[in-house]
Amino acid sequence: MRGLVHHIDLTVTDKERSRVFYDAVLGFFGYRRSADYDHGSDWDREGEPFHSIGIIEARGPGAERAHDRYSPGLHHLAWAAESRDDVDALHDLLRSIGATILDAPADYPRYGPTYYAVFFADPDGLKLEFVFGATGV
């Protein structure tokens, strides 16, 4: 258990727009929205170990700045899929909600011999990934 991610909070420009997106995506992954606040929301997974993903609405002088994954900060966030079909099913969901698909499901042998993933963006342009397969290093 040591070192597992307990929670992560993502900063968004519009909490209502992001709630709709993350309800769909995180719901697909098995998270359920557990709390809404004036500044954002949390989604938790059932069972142990505890794991939560939250959104917090941006504020302050940088609130209108677009996300740049090549600036210091988070580049992207990836979740593990159970199968190639699981990756394809999320791709179908993403298309149905009008999400931005960065790279459709495909094999990525440069990341590992069985690496199959879809890359997509949240409403603020944060790069997200759903991957099945092992990395090969």
C-alpha atoms as a PDB file:
ATOM      1  CA  MET A   1       0.000   0.000   0.000  1.00  0.00           C
ATOM      2  CA  ARG A   2       2.879   2.365   0.653  1.00  0.00           C
ATOM      3  CA  GLY A   3       3.174   4.927  -2.104  1.00  0.00           C
ATOM      4  CA  LEU A   4      -0.252   4.371  -3.695  1.00  0.00           C
ATOM      5  CA  VAL A   5      -1.960   7.595  -4.718  1.00  0.00           C
ATOM      6  CA  HIS A   6      -4.533   8.497  -2.061  1.00  0.00           C
ATOM      7  CA  HIS A   7      -6.137  11.410  -3.902  1.00  0.00           C
ATOM      8  CA  ILE A   8      -5.483  13.936  -6.598  1.00  0.00           C
ATOM      9  CA  ASP A   9      -7.158  17.299  -7.197  1.00  0.00           C
ATOM     10  CA  LEU A  10      -7.323  18.830 -10.662  1.00  0.00           C
ATOM     11  CA  THR A  11      -7.841  22.543 -11.225  1.00  0.00           C
ATOM     12  CA  VAL A  12     -10.594  23.453 -13.710  1.00  0.00           C
ATOM     13  CA  THR A  13     -11.960  26.708 -15.114  1.00  0.00           C
ATOM     14  CA  ASP A  14     -15.654  25.783 -14.980  1.00  0.00           C
ATOM     15  CA  LYS A  15     -16.714  23.340 -12.254  1.00  0.00           C
ATOM     16  CA  GLU A  16     -20.186  22.737 -13.722  1.00  0.00           C
ATOM     17  CA  ARG A  17     -18.843  21.847 -17.171  1.00  0.00           C
ATOM     18  CA  SER A  18     -16.140  19.661 -15.623  1.00  0.00           C
ATOM     19  CA  ARG A  19     -18.634  17.900 -13.321  1.00  0.00           C
ATOM     20  CA  VAL A  20     -20.525  16.639 -16.380  1.00  0.00           C
ATOM     21  CA  PHE A  21     -17.317  15.393 -18.023  1.00  0.00           C
ATOM     22  CA  TYR A  22     -15.884  13.747 -14.904  1.00  0.00           C
ATOM     23  CA  ASP A  23     -19.238  12.213 -13.917  1.00  0.00           C
ATOM     24  CA  ALA A  24     -19.147  10.329 -17.235  1.00  0.00           C
ATOM     25  CA  VAL A  25     -15.443   9.416 -17.308  1.00  0.00           C
ATOM     26  CA  LEU A  26     -14.919   8.671 -13.630  1.00  0.00           C
ATOM     27  CA  GLY A  27     -18.274   6.894 -13.466  1.00  0.00           C
ATOM     28  CA  PHE A  28     -17.013   4.585 -16.232  1.00  0.00           C
ATOM     29  CA  PHE A  29     -13.944   3.849 -14.072  1.00  0.00           C
ATOM     30  CA  GLY A  30     -16.062   3.011 -11.026  1.00  0.00           C
ATOM     31  CA  TYR A  31     -15.850   6.298  -9.114  1.00  0.00           C
ATOM     32  CA  ARG A  32     -18.972   7.925  -7.695  1.00  0.00           C
ATOM     33  CA  ARG A  33     -19.365  11.615  -6.948  1.00  0.00           C
ATOM     34  CA  SER A  34     -19.171  11.812  -3.174  1.00  0.00           C
ATOM     35  CA  ALA A  35     -19.285  15.554  -2.474  1.00  0.00           C
ATOM     36  CA  ASP A  36     -19.959  18.916  -4.070  1.00  0.00           C
ATOM     37  CA  TYR A  37     -18.514  22.125  -2.684  1.00  0.00           C
ATOM     38  CA  ASP A  38     -18.704  25.783  -3.664  1.00  0.00           C
ATOM     39  CA  HIS A  39     -15.248  25.376  -5.221  1.00  0.00           C
ATOM     40  CA  GLY A  40     -15.504  21.870  -6.765  1.00  0.00           C
ATOM     41  CA  SER A  41     -16.340  18.174  -6.289  1.00  0.00           C
ATOM     42  CA  ASP A  42     -14.869  14.826  -5.248  1.00  0.00           C
ATOM     43  CA  TRP A  43     -15.292  11.337  -6.738  1.00  0.00           C
ATOM     44  CA  ASP A  44     -14.354   8.287  -4.646  1.00  0.00           C
ATOM     45  CA  ARG A  45     -13.888   4.600  -5.427  1.00  0.00           C
ATOM     46  CA  GLU A  46     -15.625   1.970  -3.325  1.00  0.00           C
ATOM     47  CA  GLY A  47     -13.543  -0.281  -1.121  1.00  0.00           C
ATOM     48  CA  GLU A  48      -9.990  -0.264   0.093  1.00  0.00           C
ATOM     49  CA  PRO A  49      -7.606   1.287  -0.411  1.00  0.00           C
ATOM     50  CA  PHE A  50      -9.301   4.681  -0.459  1.00  0.00           C
ATOM     51  CA  HIS A  51      -8.793   6.647  -3.646  1.00  0.00           C
ATOM     52  CA  SER A  52     -10.354   9.970  -4.649  1.00  0.00           C
ATOM     53  CA  ILE A  53     -10.178  12.408  -7.546  1.00  0.00           C
ATOM     54  CA  GLY A  54     -11.365  15.958  -7.098  1.00  0.00           C
ATOM     55  CA  ILE A  55     -11.796  19.104  -9.116  1.00  0.00           C
ATOM     56  CA  ILE A  56     -11.190  22.581  -7.788  1.00  0.00           C
ATOM     57  CA  GLU A  57     -12.288  25.686  -9.662  1.00  0.00           C
ATOM     58  CA  ALA A  58      -9.382  27.947 -10.647  1.00  0.00           C
ATOM     59  CA  ARG A  59      -9.039  31.322  -8.981  1.00  0.00           C
ATOM     60  CA  GLY A  60      -6.527  34.117  -8.742  1.00  0.00           C
ATOM     61  CA  PRO A  61      -4.432  35.785 -11.434  1.00  0.00           C
ATOM     62  CA  GLY A  62      -3.786  32.559 -13.367  1.00  0.00           C
ATOM     63  CA  ALA A  63      -7.402  31.370 -13.429  1.00  0.00           C
ATOM     64  CA  GLU A  64      -7.909  32.169 -17.112  1.00  0.00           C
ATOM     65  CA  ARG A  65      -4.556  30.755 -18.261  1.00  0.00           C
ATOM     66  CA  ALA A  66      -4.889  27.719 -20.546  1.00  0.00           C
ATOM     67  CA  HIS A  67      -3.381  24.432 -19.369  1.00  0.00           C
ATOM     68  CA  ASP A  68       0.036  23.736 -20.903  1.00  0.00           C
ATOM     69  CA  ARG A  69       1.262  20.200 -20.234  1.00  0.00           C
ATOM     70  CA  TYR A  70       4.780  21.193 -21.270  1.00  0.00           C
ATOM     71  CA  SER A  71       5.050  23.818 -18.522  1.00  0.00           C
ATOM     72  CA  PRO A  72       5.934  22.728 -14.992  1.00  0.00           C
ATOM     73  CA  GLY A  73       3.041  20.820 -13.486  1.00  0.00           C
ATOM     74  CA  LEU A  74       1.035  17.778 -14.485  1.00  0.00           C
ATOM     75  CA  HIS A  75       1.700  16.453 -18.000  1.00  0.00           C
ATOM     76  CA  HIS A  76      -1.021  13.797 -18.078  1.00  0.00           C
ATOM     77  CA  LEU A  77      -2.910  11.309 -15.946  1.00  0.00           C
ATOM     78  CA  ALA A  78      -3.434   7.663 -16.948  1.00  0.00           C
ATOM     79  CA  TRP A  79      -5.774   4.964 -15.663  1.00  0.00           C
ATOM     80  CA  ALA A  80      -5.373   1.209 -16.129  1.00  0.00           C
ATOM     81  CA  ALA A  81      -7.880  -0.647 -18.295  1.00  0.00           C
ATOM     82  CA  GLU A  82      -8.924  -4.284 -17.842  1.00  0.00           C
ATOM     83  CA  SER A  83      -8.726  -5.136 -21.554  1.00  0.00           C
ATOM     84  CA  ARG A  84      -8.443  -3.726 -25.062  1.00  0.00           C
ATOM     85  CA  ASP A  85     -12.257  -3.870 -25.236  1.00  0.00           C
ATOM     86  CA  ASP A  86     -12.360  -1.715 -22.092  1.00  0.00           C
ATOM     87  CA  VAL A  87     -10.251   0.939 -23.873  1.00  0.00           C
ATOM     88  CA  ASP A  88     -12.566   0.776 -26.893  1.00  0.00           C
ATOM     89  CA  ALA A  89     -15.660   1.098 -24.669  1.00  0.00           C
ATOM     90  CA  LEU A  90     -14.307   4.270 -23.073  1.00  0.00           C
ATOM     91  CA  HIS A  91     -13.516   5.632 -26.536  1.00  0.00           C
ATOM     92  CA  ASP A  92     -17.171   5.060 -27.492  1.00  0.00           C
ATOM     93  CA  LEU A  93     -18.319   6.876 -24.331  1.00  0.00           C
ATOM     94  CA  LEU A  94     -15.958   9.780 -24.988  1.00  0.00           C
ATOM     95  CA  ARG A  95     -17.289  10.156 -28.519  1.00  0.00           C
ATOM     96  CA  SER A  96     -20.895  10.055 -27.239  1.00  0.00           C
ATOM     97  CA  ILE A  97     -20.268  12.965 -24.845  1.00  0.00           C
ATOM     98  CA  GLY A  98     -18.338  15.006 -27.413  1.00  0.00           C
ATOM     99  CA  ALA A  99     -15.013  14.778 -25.573  1.00  0.00           C
ATOM    100  CA  THR A 100     -11.788  15.748 -27.301  1.00  0.00           C
ATOM    101  CA  ILE A 101     -10.005  12.623 -28.522  1.00  0.00           C
ATOM    102  CA  LEU A 102      -6.281  13.319 -28.837  1.00  0.00           C
ATOM    103  CA  ASP A 103      -5.365   9.850 -30.143  1.00  0.00           C
ATOM    104  CA  ALA A 104      -7.908   7.111 -30.869  1.00  0.00           C
ATOM    105  CA  PRO A 105      -7.308   3.626 -29.451  1.00  0.00           C
ATOM    106  CA  ALA A 106      -4.154   2.125 -30.922  1.00  0.00           C
ATOM    107  CA  ASP A 107      -1.133   0.011 -30.136  1.00  0.00           C
ATOM    108  CA  TYR A 108       1.863   1.952 -28.809  1.00  0.00           C
ATOM    109  CA  PRO A 109       4.761  -0.524 -28.964  1.00  0.00           C
ATOM    110  CA  ARG A 110       7.272   2.211 -28.075  1.00  0.00           C
ATOM    111  CA  TYR A 111       5.710   2.198 -24.562  1.00  0.00           C
ATOM    112  CA  GLY A 112       5.592  -1.600 -24.252  1.00  0.00           C
ATOM    113  CA  PRO A 113       4.920  -4.730 -26.294  1.00  0.00           C
ATOM    114  CA  THR A 114       1.188  -4.896 -25.408  1.00  0.00           C
ATOM    115  CA  TYR A 115       0.493  -1.189 -24.735  1.00  0.00           C
ATOM    116  CA  TYR A 116      -2.952  -0.198 -26.115  1.00  0.00           C
ATOM    117  CA  ALA A 117      -4.414   3.168 -25.179  1.00  0.00           C
ATOM    118  CA  VAL A 118      -6.719   6.052 -25.944  1.00  0.00           C
ATOM    119  CA  PHE A 119      -5.597   9.616 -25.209  1.00  0.00           C
ATOM    120  CA  PHE A 120      -8.172  12.338 -24.596  1.00  0.00           C
ATOM    121  CA  ALA A 121      -8.556  15.758 -22.966  1.00  0.00           C
ATOM    122  CA  ASP A 122     -10.798  17.155 -20.273  1.00  0.00           C
ATOM    123  CA  PRO A 123     -12.695  20.404 -20.950  1.00  0.00           C
ATOM    124  CA  ASP A 124      -9.620  22.442 -19.929  1.00  0.00           C
ATOM    125  CA  GLY A 125      -7.226  20.525 -22.164  1.00  0.00           C
ATOM    126  CA  LEU A 126      -5.681  18.318 -19.466  1.00  0.00           C
ATOM    127  CA  LYS A 127      -4.340  15.222 -21.220  1.00  0.00           C
ATOM    128  CA  LEU A 128      -5.823  11.956 -19.941  1.00  0.00           C
ATOM    129  CA  GLU A 129      -5.166   8.343 -20.919  1.00  0.00           C
ATOM    130  CA  PHE A 130      -6.780   4.925 -20.531  1.00  0.00           C
ATOM    131  CA  VAL A 131      -4.294   2.105 -21.103  1.00  0.00           C
ATOM    132  CA  PHE A 132      -4.226  -1.652 -21.255  1.00  0.00           C
ATOM    133  CA  GLY A 133      -0.974  -3.586 -21.338  1.00  0.00           C
ATOM    134  CA  ALA A 134       2.428  -3.702 -19.857  1.00  0.00           C
ATOM    135  CA  THR A 135       5.196  -1.217 -20.199  1.00  0.00           C
ATOM    136  CA  GLY A 136       8.421  -2.663 -21.447  1.00  0.00           C
ATOM    137  CA  VAL A 137      11.551  -1.256 -19.940  1.00  0.00           C
END
